[in-house]
Amino acid sequence: SDAAIAANSVATTFYQYLKVFVQAMTNVSAVMIGNAIGRGSLDR
């Protein structure tokens, strides 16, 4: 329905808005783990 696509657009917009914090954590995690692997300490 037209109402379904409009409502989903609104809900998804705000969900994606908060998801940016999760995306930030994802991006930073990849960098920090990559740096750690480059340095070579398995325990760390």
PDB file of all heavy atoms in Angstrom:
ATOM      1  N   SER A   1       0.847  -1.195   0.000  1.00  0.00           N
ATOM      2  CA  SER A   1       0.000   0.000   0.000  1.00  0.00           C
ATOM      3  C   SER A   1       0.878   1.239   0.000  1.00  0.00           C
ATOM      4  O   SER A   1       2.058   1.182   0.365  1.00  0.00           O
ATOM      5  CB  SER A   1      -0.917   0.025   1.232  1.00  0.00           C
ATOM      6  OG  SER A   1      -0.164   0.225   2.414  1.00  0.00           O
ATOM      7  N   ASP A   2       0.304   2.385  -0.389  1.00  0.00           N
ATOM      8  CA  ASP A   2       1.037   3.649  -0.335  1.00  0.00           C
ATOM      9  C   ASP A   2       1.400   4.004   1.095  1.00  0.00           C
ATOM     10  O   ASP A   2       2.467   4.546   1.385  1.00  0.00           O
ATOM     11  CB  ASP A   2       0.201   4.782  -0.949  1.00  0.00           C
ATOM     12  CG  ASP A   2       0.119   4.670  -2.471  1.00  0.00           C
ATOM     13  OD1 ASP A   2       0.799   3.792  -3.043  1.00  0.00           O
ATOM     14  OD2 ASP A   2      -0.633   5.459  -3.075  1.00  0.00           O
ATOM     15  N   ALA A   3       0.498   3.689   2.045  1.00  0.00           N
ATOM     16  CA  ALA A   3       0.768   3.973   3.456  1.00  0.00           C
ATOM     17  C   ALA A   3       1.948   3.153   3.959  1.00  0.00           C
ATOM     18  O   ALA A   3       2.766   3.630   4.749  1.00  0.00           O
ATOM     19  CB  ALA A   3      -0.466   3.681   4.303  1.00  0.00           C
ATOM     20  N   ALA A   4       2.074   1.913   3.468  1.00  0.00           N
ATOM     21  CA  ALA A   4       3.157   1.040   3.913  1.00  0.00           C
ATOM     22  C   ALA A   4       4.513   1.587   3.484  1.00  0.00           C
ATOM     23  O   ALA A   4       5.456   1.628   4.279  1.00  0.00           O
ATOM     24  CB  ALA A   4       2.964  -0.376   3.364  1.00  0.00           C
ATOM     25  N   ILE A   5       4.614   2.043   2.234  1.00  0.00           N
ATOM     26  CA  ILE A   5       5.913   2.547   1.760  1.00  0.00           C
ATOM     27  C   ILE A   5       6.267   3.860   2.444  1.00  0.00           C
ATOM     28  O   ILE A   5       7.419   4.113   2.784  1.00  0.00           O
ATOM     29  CB  ILE A   5       5.928   2.691   0.222  1.00  0.00           C
ATOM     30  CG1 ILE A   5       7.365   2.930  -0.257  1.00  0.00           C
ATOM     31  CG2 ILE A   5       5.037   3.821  -0.257  1.00  0.00           C
ATOM     32  CD1 ILE A   5       7.522   2.876  -1.764  1.00  0.00           C
ATOM     33  N   ALA A   6       5.267   4.716   2.705  1.00  0.00           N
ATOM     34  CA  ALA A   6       5.541   5.984   3.384  1.00  0.00           C
ATOM     35  C   ALA A   6       5.945   5.741   4.839  1.00  0.00           C
ATOM     36  O   ALA A   6       6.913   6.330   5.340  1.00  0.00           O
ATOM     37  CB  ALA A   6       4.320   6.888   3.326  1.00  0.00           C
ATOM     38  N   ALA A   7       5.214   4.863   5.539  1.00  0.00           N
ATOM     39  CA  ALA A   7       5.523   4.572   6.943  1.00  0.00           C
ATOM     40  C   ALA A   7       6.879   3.901   7.074  1.00  0.00           C
ATOM     41  O   ALA A   7       7.669   4.205   7.980  1.00  0.00           O
ATOM     42  CB  ALA A   7       4.430   3.690   7.546  1.00  0.00           C
ATOM     43  N   ASN A   8       7.177   2.979   6.159  1.00  0.00           N
ATOM     44  CA  ASN A   8       8.474   2.303   6.199  1.00  0.00           C
ATOM     45  C   ASN A   8       9.600   3.279   5.912  1.00  0.00           C
ATOM     46  O   ASN A   8      10.684   3.183   6.497  1.00  0.00           O
ATOM     47  CB  ASN A   8       8.491   1.163   5.189  1.00  0.00           C
ATOM     48  CG  ASN A   8       9.774   0.358   5.259  1.00  0.00           C
ATOM     49  OD1 ASN A   8      10.095  -0.236   6.270  1.00  0.00           O
ATOM     50  ND2 ASN A   8      10.529   0.348   4.165  1.00  0.00           N
ATOM     51  N   SER A   9       9.350   4.247   5.019  1.00  0.00           N
ATOM     52  CA  SER A   9      10.356   5.266   4.723  1.00  0.00           C
ATOM     53  C   SER A   9      10.698   6.073   5.964  1.00  0.00           C
ATOM     54  O   SER A   9      11.869   6.319   6.266  1.00  0.00           O
ATOM     55  CB  SER A   9       9.850   6.188   3.612  1.00  0.00           C
ATOM     56  OG  SER A   9      10.732   7.270   3.423  1.00  0.00           O
ATOM     57  N   VAL A  10       9.667   6.464   6.710  1.00  0.00           N
ATOM     58  CA  VAL A  10       9.889   7.250   7.926  1.00  0.00           C
ATOM     59  C   VAL A  10      10.619   6.419   8.982  1.00  0.00           C
ATOM     60  O   VAL A  10      11.621   6.857   9.563  1.00  0.00           O
ATOM     61  CB  VAL A  10       8.545   7.760   8.478  1.00  0.00           C
ATOM     62  CG1 VAL A  10       8.747   8.412   9.849  1.00  0.00           C
ATOM     63  CG2 VAL A  10       7.904   8.750   7.514  1.00  0.00           C
ATOM     64  N   ALA A  11      10.127   5.196   9.245  1.00  0.00           N
ATOM     65  CA  ALA A  11      10.725   4.357  10.278  1.00  0.00           C
ATOM     66  C   ALA A  11      12.171   4.005   9.937  1.00  0.00           C
ATOM     67  O   ALA A  11      13.058   4.061  10.795  1.00  0.00           O
ATOM     68  CB  ALA A  11       9.897   3.080  10.453  1.00  0.00           C
ATOM     69  N   THR A  12      12.404   3.667   8.674  1.00  0.00           N
ATOM     70  CA  THR A  12      13.755   3.304   8.254  1.00  0.00           C
ATOM     71  C   THR A  12      14.696   4.493   8.344  1.00  0.00           C
ATOM     72  O   THR A  12      15.873   4.349   8.690  1.00  0.00           O
ATOM     73  CB  THR A  12      13.730   2.759   6.812  1.00  0.00           C
ATOM     74  OG1 THR A  12      12.862   1.633   6.755  1.00  0.00           O
ATOM     75  CG2 THR A  12      15.122   2.342   6.367  1.00  0.00           C
ATOM     76  N   THR A  13      14.182   5.677   8.044  1.00  0.00           N
ATOM     77  CA  THR A  13      15.010   6.887   8.121  1.00  0.00           C
ATOM     78  C   THR A  13      15.557   7.079   9.530  1.00  0.00           C
ATOM     79  O   THR A  13      16.758   7.305   9.722  1.00  0.00           O
ATOM     80  CB  THR A  13      14.186   8.119   7.706  1.00  0.00           C
ATOM     81  OG1 THR A  13      13.835   8.006   6.327  1.00  0.00           O
ATOM     82  CG2 THR A  13      14.999   9.403   7.909  1.00  0.00           C
ATOM     83  N   PHE A  14      14.704   6.979  10.531  1.00  0.00           N
ATOM     84  CA  PHE A  14      15.167   7.197  11.909  1.00  0.00           C
ATOM     85  C   PHE A  14      16.021   6.032  12.406  1.00  0.00           C
ATOM     86  O   PHE A  14      16.981   6.232  13.164  1.00  0.00           O
ATOM     87  CB  PHE A  14      13.969   7.427  12.827  1.00  0.00           C
ATOM     88  CG  PHE A  14      13.320   8.764  12.613  1.00  0.00           C
ATOM     89  CD1 PHE A  14      12.017   8.855  12.164  1.00  0.00           C
ATOM     90  CD2 PHE A  14      14.023   9.941  12.830  1.00  0.00           C
ATOM     91  CE1 PHE A  14      11.412  10.087  11.951  1.00  0.00           C
ATOM     92  CE2 PHE A  14      13.434  11.186  12.615  1.00  0.00           C
ATOM     93  CZ  PHE A  14      12.126  11.250  12.175  1.00  0.00           C
ATOM     94  N   TYR A  15      15.688   4.825  11.977  1.00  0.00           N
ATOM     95  CA  TYR A  15      16.511   3.662  12.321  1.00  0.00           C
ATOM     96  C   TYR A  15      17.923   3.837  11.755  1.00  0.00           C
ATOM     97  O   TYR A  15      18.921   3.629  12.457  1.00  0.00           O
ATOM     98  CB  TYR A  15      15.850   2.408  11.756  1.00  0.00           C
ATOM     99  CG  TYR A  15      16.692   1.153  11.826  1.00  0.00           C
ATOM    100  CD1 TYR A  15      16.830   0.448  13.021  1.00  0.00           C
ATOM    101  CD2 TYR A  15      17.318   0.650  10.692  1.00  0.00           C
ATOM    102  CE1 TYR A  15      17.588  -0.715  13.078  1.00  0.00           C
ATOM    103  CE2 TYR A  15      18.072  -0.500  10.741  1.00  0.00           C
ATOM    104  CZ  TYR A  15      18.202  -1.179  11.936  1.00  0.00           C
ATOM    105  OH  TYR A  15      18.952  -2.331  11.975  1.00  0.00           O
ATOM    106  N   GLN A  16      17.993   4.242  10.480  1.00  0.00           N
ATOM    107  CA  GLN A  16      19.290   4.464   9.867  1.00  0.00           C
ATOM    108  C   GLN A  16      20.023   5.624  10.528  1.00  0.00           C
ATOM    109  O   GLN A  16      21.266   5.643  10.599  1.00  0.00           O
ATOM    110  CB  GLN A  16      19.114   4.750   8.367  1.00  0.00           C
ATOM    111  CG  GLN A  16      18.553   3.589   7.562  1.00  0.00           C
ATOM    112  CD  GLN A  16      19.550   2.464   7.388  1.00  0.00           C
ATOM    113  OE1 GLN A  16      20.734   2.612   7.694  1.00  0.00           O
ATOM    114  NE2 GLN A  16      19.085   1.333   6.905  1.00  0.00           N
ATOM    115  N   TYR A  17      19.260   6.598  11.015  1.00  0.00           N
ATOM    116  CA  TYR A  17      19.878   7.756  11.674  1.00  0.00           C
ATOM    117  C   TYR A  17      20.632   7.319  12.925  1.00  0.00           C
ATOM    118  O   TYR A  17      21.762   7.767  13.176  1.00  0.00           O
ATOM    119  CB  TYR A  17      18.797   8.773  12.035  1.00  0.00           C
ATOM    120  CG  TYR A  17      19.264  10.204  12.001  1.00  0.00           C
ATOM    121  CD1 TYR A  17      19.097  10.984  10.859  1.00  0.00           C
ATOM    122  CD2 TYR A  17      19.883  10.789  13.093  1.00  0.00           C
ATOM    123  CE1 TYR A  17      19.524  12.296  10.817  1.00  0.00           C
ATOM    124  CE2 TYR A  17      20.313  12.099  13.062  1.00  0.00           C
ATOM    125  CZ  TYR A  17      20.132  12.851  11.922  1.00  0.00           C
ATOM    126  OH  TYR A  17      20.569  14.148  11.882  1.00  0.00           O
ATOM    127  N   LEU A  18      20.028   6.441  13.722  1.00  0.00           N
ATOM    128  CA  LEU A  18      20.712   5.937  14.914  1.00  0.00           C
ATOM    129  C   LEU A  18      21.765   4.894  14.558  1.00  0.00           C
ATOM    130  O   LEU A  18      22.757   4.720  15.275  1.00  0.00           O
ATOM    131  CB  LEU A  18      19.696   5.344  15.888  1.00  0.00           C
ATOM    132  CG  LEU A  18      18.748   6.345  16.556  1.00  0.00           C
ATOM    133  CD1 LEU A  18      17.828   5.636  17.542  1.00  0.00           C
ATOM    134  CD2 LEU A  18      19.525   7.441  17.285  1.00  0.00           C
ATOM    135  N   LYS A  19      21.554   4.220  13.430  1.00  0.00           N
ATOM    136  CA  LYS A  19      22.517   3.200  13.007  1.00  0.00           C
ATOM    137  C   LYS A  19      23.884   3.801  12.715  1.00  0.00           C
ATOM    138  O   LYS A  19      24.891   3.087  12.697  1.00  0.00           O
ATOM    139  CB  LYS A  19      21.981   2.473  11.769  1.00  0.00           C
ATOM    140  CG  LYS A  19      22.832   1.300  11.311  1.00  0.00           C
ATOM    141  CD  LYS A  19      22.260   0.658  10.058  1.00  0.00           C
ATOM    142  CE  LYS A  19      23.180  -0.430   9.536  1.00  0.00           C
ATOM    143  NZ  LYS A  19      22.650  -1.048   8.288  1.00  0.00           N
ATOM    144  N   VAL A  20      23.955   5.114  12.488  1.00  0.00           N
ATOM    145  CA  VAL A  20      25.248   5.730  12.187  1.00  0.00           C
ATOM    146  C   VAL A  20      26.238   5.532  13.338  1.00  0.00           C
ATOM    147  O   VAL A  20      27.447   5.460  13.111  1.00  0.00           O
ATOM    148  CB  VAL A  20      25.115   7.236  11.856  1.00  0.00           C
ATOM    149  CG1 VAL A  20      24.239   7.461  10.641  1.00  0.00           C
ATOM    150  CG2 VAL A  20      24.598   8.031  13.042  1.00  0.00           C
ATOM    151  N   PHE A  21      25.723   5.421  14.561  1.00  0.00           N
ATOM    152  CA  PHE A  21      26.617   5.188  15.702  1.00  0.00           C
ATOM    153  C   PHE A  21      27.177   3.765  15.649  1.00  0.00           C
ATOM    154  O   PHE A  21      28.338   3.533  15.983  1.00  0.00           O
ATOM    155  CB  PHE A  21      25.870   5.428  17.011  1.00  0.00           C
ATOM    156  CG  PHE A  21      25.421   6.850  17.195  1.00  0.00           C
ATOM    157  CD1 PHE A  21      24.122   7.230  16.908  1.00  0.00           C
ATOM    158  CD2 PHE A  21      26.310   7.820  17.627  1.00  0.00           C
ATOM    159  CE1 PHE A  21      23.702   8.539  17.058  1.00  0.00           C
ATOM    160  CE2 PHE A  21      25.907   9.140  17.774  1.00  0.00           C
ATOM    161  CZ  PHE A  21      24.598   9.500  17.486  1.00  0.00           C
ATOM    162  N   VAL A  22      26.338   2.817  15.237  1.00  0.00           N
ATOM    163  CA  VAL A  22      26.799   1.438  15.073  1.00  0.00           C
ATOM    164  C   VAL A  22      27.787   1.357  13.912  1.00  0.00           C
ATOM    165  O   VAL A  22      28.802   0.662  13.992  1.00  0.00           O
ATOM    166  CB  VAL A  22      25.594   0.500  14.837  1.00  0.00           C
ATOM    167  CG1 VAL A  22      26.067  -0.945  14.665  1.00  0.00           C
ATOM    168  CG2 VAL A  22      24.601   0.596  15.984  1.00  0.00           C
ATOM    169  N   GLN A  23      27.473   2.075  12.829  1.00  0.00           N
ATOM    170  CA  GLN A  23      28.382   2.110  11.681  1.00  0.00           C
ATOM    171  C   GLN A  23      29.728   2.710  12.086  1.00  0.00           C
ATOM    172  O   GLN A  23      30.780   2.234  11.641  1.00  0.00           O
ATOM    173  CB  GLN A  23      27.760   2.940  10.561  1.00  0.00           C
ATOM    174  CG  GLN A  23      28.608   3.015   9.297  1.00  0.00           C
ATOM    175  CD  GLN A  23      28.702   1.700   8.580  1.00  0.00           C
ATOM    176  OE1 GLN A  23      27.682   1.097   8.256  1.00  0.00           O
ATOM    177  NE2 GLN A  23      29.917   1.226   8.331  1.00  0.00           N
ATOM    178  N   ALA A  24      29.700   3.736  12.920  1.00  0.00           N
ATOM    179  CA  ALA A  24      30.953   4.336  13.389  1.00  0.00           C
ATOM    180  C   ALA A  24      31.773   3.329  14.177  1.00  0.00           C
ATOM    181  O   ALA A  24      32.993   3.217  13.993  1.00  0.00           O
ATOM    182  CB  ALA A  24      30.658   5.566  14.253  1.00  0.00           C
ATOM    183  N   MET A  25      31.111   2.587  15.046  1.00  0.00           N
ATOM    184  CA  MET A  25      31.808   1.562  15.826  1.00  0.00           C
ATOM    185  C   MET A  25      32.376   0.490  14.904  1.00  0.00           C
ATOM    186  O   MET A  25      33.490  -0.009  15.124  1.00  0.00           O
ATOM    187  CB  MET A  25      30.841   0.944  16.839  1.00  0.00           C
ATOM    188  CG  MET A  25      31.517   0.093  17.883  1.00  0.00           C
ATOM    189  SD  MET A  25      32.628   1.056  18.948  1.00  0.00           S
ATOM    190  CE  MET A  25      33.422  -0.275  19.860  1.00  0.00           C
ATOM    191  N   THR A  26      31.627   0.138  13.865  1.00  0.00           N
ATOM    192  CA  THR A  26      32.090  -0.853  12.896  1.00  0.00           C
ATOM    193  C   THR A  26      33.332  -0.356  12.175  1.00  0.00           C
ATOM    194  O   THR A  26      34.337  -1.067  12.047  1.00  0.00           O
ATOM    195  CB  THR A  26      30.975  -1.157  11.873  1.00  0.00           C
ATOM    196  OG1 THR A  26      29.800  -1.580  12.566  1.00  0.00           O
ATOM    197  CG2 THR A  26      31.404  -2.244  10.908  1.00  0.00           C
ATOM    198  N   ASN A  27      33.276   0.889  11.693  1.00  0.00           N
ATOM    199  CA  ASN A  27      34.407   1.462  10.963  1.00  0.00           C
ATOM    200  C   ASN A  27      35.657   1.559  11.822  1.00  0.00           C
ATOM    201  O   ASN A  27      36.762   1.202  11.390  1.00  0.00           O
ATOM    202  CB  ASN A  27      34.036   2.859  10.450  1.00  0.00           C
ATOM    203  CG  ASN A  27      32.949   2.833   9.395  1.00  0.00           C
ATOM    204  OD1 ASN A  27      32.690   1.804   8.780  1.00  0.00           O
ATOM    205  ND2 ASN A  27      32.294   3.961   9.181  1.00  0.00           N
ATOM    206  N   VAL A  28      35.478   2.045  13.044  1.00  0.00           N
ATOM    207  CA  VAL A  28      36.625   2.222  13.936  1.00  0.00           C
ATOM    208  C   VAL A  28      37.182   0.872  14.375  1.00  0.00           C
ATOM    209  O   VAL A  28      38.404   0.692  14.484  1.00  0.00           O
ATOM    210  CB  VAL A  28      36.234   3.082  15.152  1.00  0.00           C
ATOM    211  CG1 VAL A  28      37.384   3.161  16.146  1.00  0.00           C
ATOM    212  CG2 VAL A  28      35.850   4.486  14.701  1.00  0.00           C
ATOM    213  N   SER A  29      36.301  -0.103  14.618  1.00  0.00           N
ATOM    214  CA  SER A  29      36.750  -1.446  15.004  1.00  0.00           C
ATOM    215  C   SER A  29      37.638  -2.052  13.930  1.00  0.00           C
ATOM    216  O   SER A  29      38.675  -2.659  14.235  1.00  0.00           O
ATOM    217  CB  SER A  29      35.545  -2.362  15.253  1.00  0.00           C
ATOM    218  OG  SER A  29      34.787  -1.925  16.355  1.00  0.00           O
ATOM    219  N   ALA A  30      37.240  -1.888  12.673  1.00  0.00           N
ATOM    220  CA  ALA A  30      38.038  -2.435  11.572  1.00  0.00           C
ATOM    221  C   ALA A  30      39.426  -1.808  11.542  1.00  0.00           C
ATOM    222  O   ALA A  30      40.435  -2.501  11.340  1.00  0.00           O
ATOM    223  CB  ALA A  30      37.317  -2.208  10.246  1.00  0.00           C
ATOM    224  N   VAL A  31      39.490  -0.495  11.747  1.00  0.00           N
ATOM    225  CA  VAL A  31      40.783   0.198  11.740  1.00  0.00           C
ATOM    226  C   VAL A  31      41.658  -0.267  12.895  1.00  0.00           C
ATOM    227  O   VAL A  31      42.844  -0.594  12.720  1.00  0.00           O
ATOM    228  CB  VAL A  31      40.579   1.724  11.808  1.00  0.00           C
ATOM    229  CG1 VAL A  31      41.916   2.437  11.995  1.00  0.00           C
ATOM    230  CG2 VAL A  31      39.878   2.232  10.549  1.00  0.00           C
ATOM    231  N   MET A  32      41.089  -0.313  14.092  1.00  0.00           N
ATOM    232  CA  MET A  32      41.885  -0.634  15.271  1.00  0.00           C
ATOM    233  C   MET A  32      42.340  -2.093  15.280  1.00  0.00           C
ATOM    234  O   MET A  32      43.462  -2.403  15.683  1.00  0.00           O
ATOM    235  CB  MET A  32      41.104  -0.286  16.542  1.00  0.00           C
ATOM    236  CG  MET A  32      40.777   1.198  16.626  1.00  0.00           C
ATOM    237  SD  MET A  32      40.263   1.754  18.254  1.00  0.00           S
ATOM    238  CE  MET A  32      41.809   1.669  19.164  1.00  0.00           C
ATOM    239  N   ILE A  33      41.471  -3.000  14.814  1.00  0.00           N
ATOM    240  CA  ILE A  33      41.884  -4.401  14.725  1.00  0.00           C
ATOM    241  C   ILE A  33      42.943  -4.565  13.644  1.00  0.00           C
ATOM    242  O   ILE A  33      43.925  -5.301  13.813  1.00  0.00           O
ATOM    243  CB  ILE A  33      40.665  -5.299  14.444  1.00  0.00           C
ATOM    244  CG1 ILE A  33      39.774  -5.383  15.687  1.00  0.00           C
ATOM    245  CG2 ILE A  33      41.108  -6.699  14.026  1.00  0.00           C
ATOM    246  CD1 ILE A  33      40.433  -5.987  16.912  1.00  0.00           C
ATOM    247  N   GLY A  34      42.781  -3.857  12.514  1.00  0.00           N
ATOM    248  CA  GLY A  34      43.794  -3.917  11.462  1.00  0.00           C
ATOM    249  C   GLY A  34      45.135  -3.397  11.938  1.00  0.00           C
ATOM    250  O   GLY A  34      46.187  -4.007  11.666  1.00  0.00           O
ATOM    251  N   ASN A  35      45.130  -2.275  12.647  1.00  0.00           N
ATOM    252  CA  ASN A  35      46.374  -1.740  13.217  1.00  0.00           C
ATOM    253  C   ASN A  35      47.016  -2.740  14.179  1.00  0.00           C
ATOM    254  O   ASN A  35      48.245  -2.929  14.170  1.00  0.00           O
ATOM    255  CB  ASN A  35      46.107  -0.432  13.957  1.00  0.00           C
ATOM    256  CG  ASN A  35      45.763   0.737  13.050  1.00  0.00           C
ATOM    257  OD1 ASN A  35      45.294   1.767  13.499  1.00  0.00           O
ATOM    258  ND2 ASN A  35      45.985   0.586  11.748  1.00  0.00           N
ATOM    259  N   ALA A  36      46.183  -3.366  15.020  1.00  0.00           N
ATOM    260  CA  ALA A  36      46.699  -4.333  15.993  1.00  0.00           C
ATOM    261  C   ALA A  36      47.331  -5.534  15.293  1.00  0.00           C
ATOM    262  O   ALA A  36      48.400  -6.017  15.700  1.00  0.00           O
ATOM    263  CB  ALA A  36      45.580  -4.783  16.931  1.00  0.00           C
ATOM    264  N   ILE A  37      46.682  -6.032  14.230  1.00  0.00           N
ATOM    265  CA  ILE A  37      47.246  -7.163  13.493  1.00  0.00           C
ATOM    266  C   ILE A  37      48.555  -6.752  12.828  1.00  0.00           C
ATOM    267  O   ILE A  37      49.523  -7.527  12.789  1.00  0.00           O
ATOM    268  CB  ILE A  37      46.227  -7.687  12.455  1.00  0.00           C
ATOM    269  CG1 ILE A  37      45.024  -8.310  13.175  1.00  0.00           C
ATOM    270  CG2 ILE A  37      46.874  -8.708  11.522  1.00  0.00           C
ATOM    271  CD1 ILE A  37      43.901  -8.730  12.256  1.00  0.00           C
ATOM    272  N   GLY A  38      48.602  -5.525  12.315  1.00  0.00           N
ATOM    273  CA  GLY A  38      49.837  -5.028  11.716  1.00  0.00           C
ATOM    274  C   GLY A  38      50.988  -4.978  12.712  1.00  0.00           C
ATOM    275  O   GLY A  38      52.138  -5.255  12.368  1.00  0.00           O
ATOM    276  N   ARG A  39      50.652  -4.658  13.984  1.00  0.00           N
ATOM    277  CA  ARG A  39      51.700  -4.610  15.015  1.00  0.00           C
ATOM    278  C   ARG A  39      52.120  -6.010  15.460  1.00  0.00           C
ATOM    279  O   ARG A  39      53.241  -6.195  15.925  1.00  0.00           O
ATOM    280  CB  ARG A  39      51.207  -3.793  16.218  1.00  0.00           C
ATOM    281  CG  ARG A  39      51.126  -2.294  15.939  1.00  0.00           C
ATOM    282  CD  ARG A  39      50.873  -1.510  17.206  1.00  0.00           C
ATOM    283  NE  ARG A  39      49.567  -1.800  17.781  1.00  0.00           N
ATOM    284  CZ  ARG A  39      48.459  -1.092  17.531  1.00  0.00           C
ATOM    285  NH1 ARG A  39      48.514  -0.065  16.692  1.00  0.00           N
ATOM    286  NH2 ARG A  39      47.317  -1.415  18.093  1.00  0.00           N
ATOM    287  N   GLY A  40      51.196  -6.982  15.402  1.00  0.00           N
ATOM    288  CA  GLY A  40      51.593  -8.378  15.558  1.00  0.00           C
ATOM    289  C   GLY A  40      51.452  -9.047  16.904  1.00  0.00           C
ATOM    290  O   GLY A  40      51.930 -10.164  17.060  1.00  0.00           O
ATOM    291  N   SER A  41      50.788  -8.457  17.909  1.00  0.00           N
ATOM    292  CA  SER A  41      50.644  -9.102  19.219  1.00  0.00           C
ATOM    293  C   SER A  41      49.299  -9.823  19.300  1.00  0.00           C
ATOM    294  O   SER A  41      48.249  -9.192  19.349  1.00  0.00           O
ATOM    295  CB  SER A  41      50.733  -8.065  20.337  1.00  0.00           C
ATOM    296  OG  SER A  41      50.377  -8.645  21.579  1.00  0.00           O
ATOM    297  N   LEU A  42      49.318 -11.171  19.317  1.00  0.00           N
ATOM    298  CA  LEU A  42      48.084 -11.951  19.313  1.00  0.00           C
ATOM    299  C   LEU A  42      47.262 -11.723  20.575  1.00  0.00           C
ATOM    300  O   LEU A  42      46.029 -11.558  20.506  1.00  0.00           O
ATOM    301  CB  LEU A  42      48.400 -13.440  19.162  1.00  0.00           C
ATOM    302  CG  LEU A  42      47.187 -14.378  19.076  1.00  0.00           C
ATOM    303  CD1 LEU A  42      46.331 -14.036  17.872  1.00  0.00           C
ATOM    304  CD2 LEU A  42      47.653 -15.832  19.010  1.00  0.00           C
ATOM    305  N   ASP A  43      47.888 -11.693  21.741  1.00  0.00           N
ATOM    306  CA  ASP A  43      47.155 -11.470  22.988  1.00  0.00           C
ATOM    307  C   ASP A  43      46.468 -10.112  22.986  1.00  0.00           C
ATOM    308  O   ASP A  43      45.329  -9.972  23.437  1.00  0.00           O
ATOM    309  CB  ASP A  43      48.110 -11.554  24.194  1.00  0.00           C
ATOM    310  CG  ASP A  43      48.511 -12.984  24.509  1.00  0.00           C
ATOM    311  OD1 ASP A  43      47.742 -13.888  24.144  1.00  0.00           O
ATOM    312  OD2 ASP A  43      49.581 -13.183  25.097  1.00  0.00           O
ATOM    313  N   ARG A  44      47.156  -9.114  22.453  1.00  0.00           N
ATOM    314  CA  ARG A  44      46.587  -7.775  22.431  1.00  0.00           C
ATOM    315  C   ARG A  44      45.426  -7.698  21.430  1.00  0.00           C
ATOM    316  O   ARG A  44      44.423  -7.035  21.687  1.00  0.00           O
ATOM    317  CB  ARG A  44      47.660  -6.758  22.080  1.00  0.00           C
ATOM    318  CG  ARG A  44      47.157  -5.313  22.036  1.00  0.00           C
ATOM    319  CD  ARG A  44      46.515  -4.890  23.376  1.00  0.00           C
ATOM    320  NE  ARG A  44      45.875  -3.605  23.234  1.00  0.00           N
ATOM    321  CZ  ARG A  44      46.486  -2.438  23.496  1.00  0.00           C
ATOM    322  NH1 ARG A  44      47.740  -2.423  23.910  1.00  0.00           N
ATOM    323  NH2 ARG A  44      45.833  -1.315  23.359  1.00  0.00           N
TER     324      ARG A  44
END
